[in-house]
Amino acid sequence: MKKSALIIGIDPDFLDFTSKEFAAFPDISADKIRAGLNGSAQQLVDLGFDAEICWIDLGETAQTSVKESLQKKRFDVVMVGAGIRVPESNFTLFENLLNTIIATSPTSKIAFNKNPQDTADAVKRWI
């Protein structure tokens, strides 16, 4: 049976790329973020995982989206993207999502990446 991973990332359509949080990344765009996360999921599939992405907003329905994804099936690992954890403005969102993951899927391991390129390594650490 394939090991499964849920990748949680902010839908880049909700991001303000003109904010100070993105000043250090002048070439970043919604398309690049989407491509990076989709590429991460594909890399996991290529490695033999069952991988899905859960795109969230900045908090209005984020917890509901994650809960619904976790209720559809059991995931061995839930990977919370750096875009959720790193910006200080997302602190409460990150905290709420962790508690949602733990309450909804207590047997899932939780992983964190630094960027889309190390998502597979983050997932593999826990499987």
N, C-alpha and C. Protein backbone atom coordinates (compact mmCIF):
# COMPACT_ATOMS: atom_id res chain seq x y z
N MET A 1 0.84 -1.18 0.00
CA MET A 1 0.00 0.00 0.00
C MET A 1 0.89 1.25 0.00
N LYS A 2 0.55 2.20 -0.86
CA LYS A 2 1.32 3.44 -0.96
C LYS A 2 1.20 4.26 0.31
N LYS A 3 2.30 4.89 0.68
CA LYS A 3 2.26 5.86 1.77
C LYS A 3 1.67 7.15 1.20
N SER A 4 0.96 7.87 2.05
CA SER A 4 0.27 9.06 1.57
C SER A 4 0.75 10.32 2.27
N ALA A 5 0.71 11.41 1.51
CA ALA A 5 1.13 12.70 2.05
C ALA A 5 0.16 13.78 1.60
N LEU A 6 -0.20 14.64 2.54
CA LEU A 6 -1.00 15.82 2.24
C LEU A 6 -0.08 17.02 2.38
N ILE A 7 0.00 17.82 1.34
CA ILE A 7 0.81 19.03 1.35
C ILE A 7 -0.13 20.21 1.49
N ILE A 8 0.07 21.00 2.54
CA ILE A 8 -0.78 22.17 2.77
C ILE A 8 -0.01 23.43 2.37
N GLY A 9 -0.61 24.21 1.50
CA GLY A 9 0.01 25.45 1.06
C GLY A 9 -1.03 26.54 0.85
N ILE A 10 -0.59 27.77 0.99
CA ILE A 10 -1.49 28.90 0.76
C ILE A 10 -1.68 29.09 -0.74
N ASP A 11 -2.93 29.18 -1.14
CA ASP A 11 -3.23 29.49 -2.54
C ASP A 11 -2.62 30.86 -2.82
N PRO A 12 -1.69 30.93 -3.78
CA PRO A 12 -1.00 32.19 -4.01
C PRO A 12 -1.89 33.34 -4.48
N ASP A 13 -3.11 33.04 -4.90
CA ASP A 13 -4.03 34.12 -5.27
C ASP A 13 -4.41 34.98 -4.06
N PHE A 14 -4.17 34.46 -2.85
CA PHE A 14 -4.49 35.21 -1.63
C PHE A 14 -3.31 36.04 -1.13
N LEU A 15 -2.15 35.93 -1.76
CA LEU A 15 -0.95 36.60 -1.27
C LEU A 15 -0.76 37.98 -1.88
N ASP A 16 -0.22 38.88 -1.08
CA ASP A 16 0.11 40.23 -1.52
C ASP A 16 1.61 40.29 -1.78
N PHE A 17 2.01 40.17 -3.02
CA PHE A 17 3.42 40.12 -3.36
C PHE A 17 4.11 41.48 -3.24
N THR A 18 3.35 42.52 -2.95
CA THR A 18 3.96 43.84 -2.74
C THR A 18 4.26 44.09 -1.27
N SER A 19 3.87 43.18 -0.39
CA SER A 19 4.10 43.37 1.04
C SER A 19 5.58 43.21 1.38
N LYS A 20 5.96 43.71 2.54
CA LYS A 20 7.36 43.64 2.99
C LYS A 20 7.84 42.20 3.17
N GLU A 21 6.92 41.27 3.44
CA GLU A 21 7.30 39.87 3.62
C GLU A 21 7.87 39.25 2.34
N PHE A 22 7.52 39.84 1.20
CA PHE A 22 8.01 39.31 -0.07
C PHE A 22 9.11 40.16 -0.68
N ALA A 23 9.53 41.21 0.02
CA ALA A 23 10.55 42.12 -0.51
C ALA A 23 11.86 41.39 -0.84
N ALA A 24 12.20 40.38 -0.08
CA ALA A 24 13.44 39.64 -0.32
C ALA A 24 13.32 38.68 -1.51
N PHE A 25 12.14 38.56 -2.08
CA PHE A 25 11.89 37.63 -3.18
C PHE A 25 11.26 38.38 -4.35
N PRO A 26 12.01 39.26 -5.00
CA PRO A 26 11.42 40.12 -6.05
C PRO A 26 10.90 39.35 -7.26
N ASP A 27 11.38 38.15 -7.50
CA ASP A 27 10.95 37.39 -8.68
C ASP A 27 9.82 36.40 -8.38
N ILE A 28 9.30 36.41 -7.16
CA ILE A 28 8.26 35.47 -6.78
C ILE A 28 6.94 35.87 -7.44
N SER A 29 6.14 34.87 -7.75
CA SER A 29 4.83 35.12 -8.35
C SER A 29 3.89 33.98 -7.99
N ALA A 30 2.63 34.21 -8.19
CA ALA A 30 1.63 33.17 -7.93
C ALA A 30 1.92 31.93 -8.77
N ASP A 31 2.27 32.15 -10.03
CA ASP A 31 2.56 31.02 -10.92
C ASP A 31 3.76 30.21 -10.42
N LYS A 32 4.79 30.88 -9.93
CA LYS A 32 5.98 30.18 -9.43
C LYS A 32 5.66 29.38 -8.16
N ILE A 33 4.86 29.96 -7.30
CA ILE A 33 4.48 29.24 -6.08
C ILE A 33 3.64 28.02 -6.42
N ARG A 34 2.66 28.22 -7.28
CA ARG A 34 1.80 27.10 -7.69
C ARG A 34 2.62 26.00 -8.37
N ALA A 35 3.52 26.39 -9.25
CA ALA A 35 4.37 25.41 -9.94
C ALA A 35 5.27 24.68 -8.96
N GLY A 36 5.79 25.40 -7.98
CA GLY A 36 6.67 24.76 -6.99
C GLY A 36 5.94 23.71 -6.18
N LEU A 37 4.75 24.02 -5.71
CA LEU A 37 4.00 23.05 -4.90
C LEU A 37 3.50 21.89 -5.75
N ASN A 38 3.03 22.18 -6.96
CA ASN A 38 2.62 21.09 -7.86
C ASN A 38 3.81 20.20 -8.20
N GLY A 39 4.98 20.80 -8.40
CA GLY A 39 6.19 20.02 -8.66
C GLY A 39 6.56 19.15 -7.48
N SER A 40 6.39 19.67 -6.27
CA SER A 40 6.67 18.88 -5.07
C SER A 40 5.76 17.66 -4.98
N ALA A 41 4.48 17.88 -5.26
CA ALA A 41 3.53 16.76 -5.22
C ALA A 41 3.88 15.73 -6.28
N GLN A 42 4.24 16.19 -7.47
CA GLN A 42 4.61 15.26 -8.55
C GLN A 42 5.87 14.48 -8.19
N GLN A 43 6.82 15.14 -7.57
CA GLN A 43 8.05 14.45 -7.15
C GLN A 43 7.71 13.32 -6.16
N LEU A 44 6.80 13.58 -5.25
CA LEU A 44 6.38 12.54 -4.31
C LEU A 44 5.68 11.39 -5.04
N VAL A 45 4.82 11.71 -5.99
CA VAL A 45 4.16 10.68 -6.78
C VAL A 45 5.20 9.84 -7.53
N ASP A 46 6.19 10.50 -8.11
CA ASP A 46 7.26 9.80 -8.84
C ASP A 46 8.06 8.88 -7.92
N LEU A 47 8.10 9.21 -6.63
CA LEU A 47 8.80 8.38 -5.64
C LEU A 47 7.92 7.27 -5.09
N GLY A 48 6.67 7.20 -5.57
CA GLY A 48 5.78 6.12 -5.16
C GLY A 48 4.77 6.49 -4.08
N PHE A 49 4.67 7.75 -3.73
CA PHE A 49 3.71 8.19 -2.73
C PHE A 49 2.37 8.53 -3.38
N ASP A 50 1.34 8.52 -2.58
CA ASP A 50 0.05 9.08 -2.95
C ASP A 50 0.08 10.48 -2.35
N ALA A 51 0.22 11.50 -3.18
CA ALA A 51 0.37 12.87 -2.69
C ALA A 51 -0.75 13.76 -3.19
N GLU A 52 -1.25 14.59 -2.29
CA GLU A 52 -2.30 15.54 -2.62
C GLU A 52 -1.93 16.89 -2.05
N ILE A 53 -2.46 17.94 -2.67
CA ILE A 53 -2.26 19.30 -2.18
C ILE A 53 -3.58 19.82 -1.63
N CYS A 54 -3.51 20.48 -0.50
CA CYS A 54 -4.64 21.18 0.07
C CYS A 54 -4.30 22.67 0.03
N TRP A 55 -4.91 23.38 -0.90
CA TRP A 55 -4.70 24.83 -1.01
C TRP A 55 -5.61 25.52 0.00
N ILE A 56 -5.05 26.46 0.74
CA ILE A 56 -5.84 27.17 1.75
C ILE A 56 -5.80 28.68 1.50
N ASP A 57 -6.71 29.38 2.17
CA ASP A 57 -6.67 30.84 2.15
C ASP A 57 -5.88 31.29 3.38
N LEU A 58 -5.97 32.54 3.72
CA LEU A 58 -5.18 33.08 4.83
C LEU A 58 -5.88 32.96 6.18
N GLY A 59 -6.93 32.18 6.26
CA GLY A 59 -7.54 31.94 7.55
C GLY A 59 -9.04 31.82 7.58
N GLU A 60 -9.73 32.45 6.67
CA GLU A 60 -11.19 32.44 6.72
C GLU A 60 -11.76 31.02 6.64
N THR A 61 -11.26 30.23 5.71
CA THR A 61 -11.73 28.84 5.58
C THR A 61 -10.59 27.83 5.64
N ALA A 62 -9.41 28.27 6.02
CA ALA A 62 -8.23 27.40 6.00
C ALA A 62 -8.41 26.14 6.85
N GLN A 63 -8.86 26.32 8.08
CA GLN A 63 -9.03 25.16 8.95
C GLN A 63 -10.07 24.19 8.40
N THR A 64 -11.15 24.71 7.87
CA THR A 64 -12.20 23.87 7.30
C THR A 64 -11.65 23.09 6.10
N SER A 65 -10.88 23.75 5.26
CA SER A 65 -10.29 23.08 4.09
C SER A 65 -9.38 21.94 4.51
N VAL A 66 -8.53 22.19 5.50
CA VAL A 66 -7.61 21.15 5.98
C VAL A 66 -8.39 20.01 6.62
N LYS A 67 -9.35 20.34 7.44
CA LYS A 67 -10.16 19.31 8.10
C LYS A 67 -10.87 18.44 7.08
N GLU A 68 -11.46 19.05 6.07
CA GLU A 68 -12.16 18.28 5.03
C GLU A 68 -11.20 17.36 4.28
N SER A 69 -10.01 17.83 3.97
CA SER A 69 -9.02 16.99 3.29
C SER A 69 -8.64 15.81 4.16
N LEU A 70 -8.43 16.06 5.45
CA LEU A 70 -8.01 15.00 6.36
C LEU A 70 -9.13 14.00 6.66
N GLN A 71 -10.36 14.41 6.50
CA GLN A 71 -11.48 13.50 6.75
C GLN A 71 -11.78 12.61 5.56
N LYS A 72 -11.29 12.97 4.37
CA LYS A 72 -11.54 12.16 3.18
C LYS A 72 -10.78 10.85 3.22
N LYS A 73 -9.57 10.88 3.79
CA LYS A 73 -8.77 9.67 3.88
C LYS A 73 -7.65 9.87 4.88
N ARG A 74 -7.00 8.79 5.23
CA ARG A 74 -5.90 8.85 6.19
C ARG A 74 -4.61 9.20 5.45
N PHE A 75 -3.85 10.13 6.00
CA PHE A 75 -2.55 10.49 5.46
C PHE A 75 -1.47 10.09 6.44
N ASP A 76 -0.40 9.49 5.92
CA ASP A 76 0.72 9.12 6.78
C ASP A 76 1.48 10.35 7.26
N VAL A 77 1.60 11.33 6.37
CA VAL A 77 2.32 12.57 6.70
C VAL A 77 1.52 13.77 6.21
N VAL A 78 1.49 14.80 7.02
CA VAL A 78 0.91 16.08 6.62
C VAL A 78 2.06 17.08 6.61
N MET A 79 2.35 17.64 5.45
CA MET A 79 3.47 18.56 5.29
C MET A 79 2.91 19.99 5.25
N VAL A 80 3.34 20.81 6.20
CA VAL A 80 2.90 22.20 6.28
C VAL A 80 3.97 23.07 5.63
N GLY A 81 3.60 23.75 4.56
CA GLY A 81 4.55 24.53 3.78
C GLY A 81 5.15 25.71 4.52
N ALA A 82 6.36 26.08 4.10
CA ALA A 82 7.09 27.19 4.70
C ALA A 82 6.34 28.50 4.56
N GLY A 83 5.56 28.65 3.51
CA GLY A 83 4.79 29.88 3.32
C GLY A 83 3.74 30.09 4.40
N ILE A 84 3.38 29.02 5.09
CA ILE A 84 2.44 29.12 6.21
C ILE A 84 3.20 29.43 7.49
N ARG A 85 4.34 28.81 7.66
CA ARG A 85 5.09 28.91 8.91
C ARG A 85 5.95 30.16 9.03
N VAL A 86 6.58 30.58 7.95
CA VAL A 86 7.63 31.58 8.03
C VAL A 86 7.13 33.02 8.22
N PRO A 87 6.20 33.51 7.42
CA PRO A 87 5.79 34.90 7.62
C PRO A 87 5.19 35.10 9.02
N GLU A 88 5.67 36.08 9.71
CA GLU A 88 5.18 36.35 11.06
C GLU A 88 3.68 36.62 11.08
N SER A 89 3.18 37.19 10.02
CA SER A 89 1.74 37.49 9.96
C SER A 89 0.88 36.23 9.94
N ASN A 90 1.48 35.08 9.67
CA ASN A 90 0.73 33.82 9.62
C ASN A 90 0.82 33.01 10.91
N PHE A 91 1.36 33.61 11.97
CA PHE A 91 1.58 32.87 13.22
C PHE A 91 0.30 32.20 13.73
N THR A 92 -0.79 32.94 13.80
CA THR A 92 -2.04 32.38 14.31
C THR A 92 -2.60 31.34 13.35
N LEU A 93 -2.49 31.59 12.05
CA LEU A 93 -2.92 30.61 11.06
C LEU A 93 -2.16 29.30 11.25
N PHE A 94 -0.86 29.39 11.39
CA PHE A 94 -0.02 28.20 11.59
C PHE A 94 -0.46 27.44 12.84
N GLU A 95 -0.63 28.15 13.93
CA GLU A 95 -1.05 27.53 15.19
C GLU A 95 -2.41 26.84 15.03
N ASN A 96 -3.35 27.53 14.41
CA ASN A 96 -4.69 26.94 14.20
C ASN A 96 -4.63 25.69 13.33
N LEU A 97 -3.81 25.73 12.29
CA LEU A 97 -3.71 24.56 11.40
C LEU A 97 -3.09 23.37 12.12
N LEU A 98 -2.06 23.61 12.92
CA LEU A 98 -1.46 22.50 13.67
C LEU A 98 -2.49 21.84 14.58
N ASN A 99 -3.25 22.63 15.27
CA ASN A 99 -4.27 22.07 16.16
C ASN A 99 -5.36 21.34 15.38
N THR A 100 -5.70 21.83 14.21
CA THR A 100 -6.68 21.14 13.36
C THR A 100 -6.13 19.80 12.89
N ILE A 101 -4.88 19.77 12.48
CA ILE A 101 -4.26 18.51 12.03
C ILE A 101 -4.24 17.50 13.17
N ILE A 102 -3.80 17.91 14.33
CA ILE A 102 -3.69 17.00 15.48
C ILE A 102 -5.07 16.47 15.87
N ALA A 103 -6.07 17.34 15.89
CA ALA A 103 -7.42 16.91 16.29
C ALA A 103 -8.08 16.02 15.25
N THR A 104 -7.84 16.29 13.98
CA THR A 104 -8.53 15.57 12.91
C THR A 104 -7.82 14.29 12.51
N SER A 105 -6.50 14.30 12.57
CA SER A 105 -5.72 13.15 12.10
C SER A 105 -4.57 12.86 13.06
N PRO A 106 -4.90 12.42 14.27
CA PRO A 106 -3.87 12.27 15.31
C PRO A 106 -2.77 11.26 15.01
N THR A 107 -2.97 10.36 14.07
CA THR A 107 -1.92 9.39 13.76
C THR A 107 -0.98 9.85 12.65
N SER A 108 -1.32 10.95 12.00
CA SER A 108 -0.45 11.48 10.93
C SER A 108 0.78 12.14 11.54
N LYS A 109 1.90 11.92 10.91
CA LYS A 109 3.11 12.65 11.27
C LYS A 109 3.01 14.03 10.63
N ILE A 110 3.67 15.01 11.22
CA ILE A 110 3.67 16.36 10.68
C ILE A 110 5.09 16.70 10.26
N ALA A 111 5.22 17.21 9.03
CA ALA A 111 6.53 17.56 8.48
C ALA A 111 6.53 19.01 8.04
N PHE A 112 7.73 19.59 7.97
CA PHE A 112 7.90 20.97 7.53
C PHE A 112 9.01 21.02 6.50
N ASN A 113 8.78 21.81 5.47
CA ASN A 113 9.82 22.02 4.47
C ASN A 113 10.39 23.42 4.63
N LYS A 114 11.52 23.66 3.95
CA LYS A 114 12.11 25.00 3.93
C LYS A 114 11.73 25.71 2.64
N ASN A 115 11.49 24.91 1.59
CA ASN A 115 11.12 25.42 0.27
C ASN A 115 10.57 24.24 -0.53
N PRO A 116 9.95 24.50 -1.68
CA PRO A 116 9.37 23.39 -2.44
C PRO A 116 10.38 22.31 -2.83
N GLN A 117 11.62 22.69 -3.00
CA GLN A 117 12.63 21.71 -3.43
C GLN A 117 12.94 20.65 -2.38
N ASP A 118 12.69 20.92 -1.11
CA ASP A 118 13.00 19.90 -0.10
C ASP A 118 11.76 19.26 0.52
N THR A 119 10.62 19.40 -0.16
CA THR A 119 9.37 18.80 0.32
C THR A 119 9.47 17.28 0.41
N ALA A 120 10.00 16.65 -0.61
CA ALA A 120 10.11 15.18 -0.60
C ALA A 120 10.99 14.72 0.56
N ASP A 121 12.08 15.41 0.80
CA ASP A 121 12.96 15.05 1.92
C ASP A 121 12.23 15.22 3.25
N ALA A 122 11.44 16.28 3.38
CA ALA A 122 10.69 16.51 4.62
C ALA A 122 9.70 15.37 4.85
N VAL A 123 9.01 14.94 3.81
CA VAL A 123 8.05 13.84 3.93
C VAL A 123 8.77 12.54 4.24
N LYS A 124 9.85 12.26 3.54
CA LYS A 124 10.59 11.00 3.73
C LYS A 124 11.20 10.88 5.11
N ARG A 125 11.47 12.00 5.79
CA ARG A 125 12.00 11.93 7.17
C ARG A 125 11.05 11.18 8.09
N TRP A 126 9.76 11.20 7.78
CA TRP A 126 8.77 10.62 8.69
C TRP A 126 8.17 9.31 8.18
N ILE A 127 8.65 8.83 7.05
CA ILE A 127 8.14 7.55 6.54
C ILE A 127 9.30 6.58 6.42
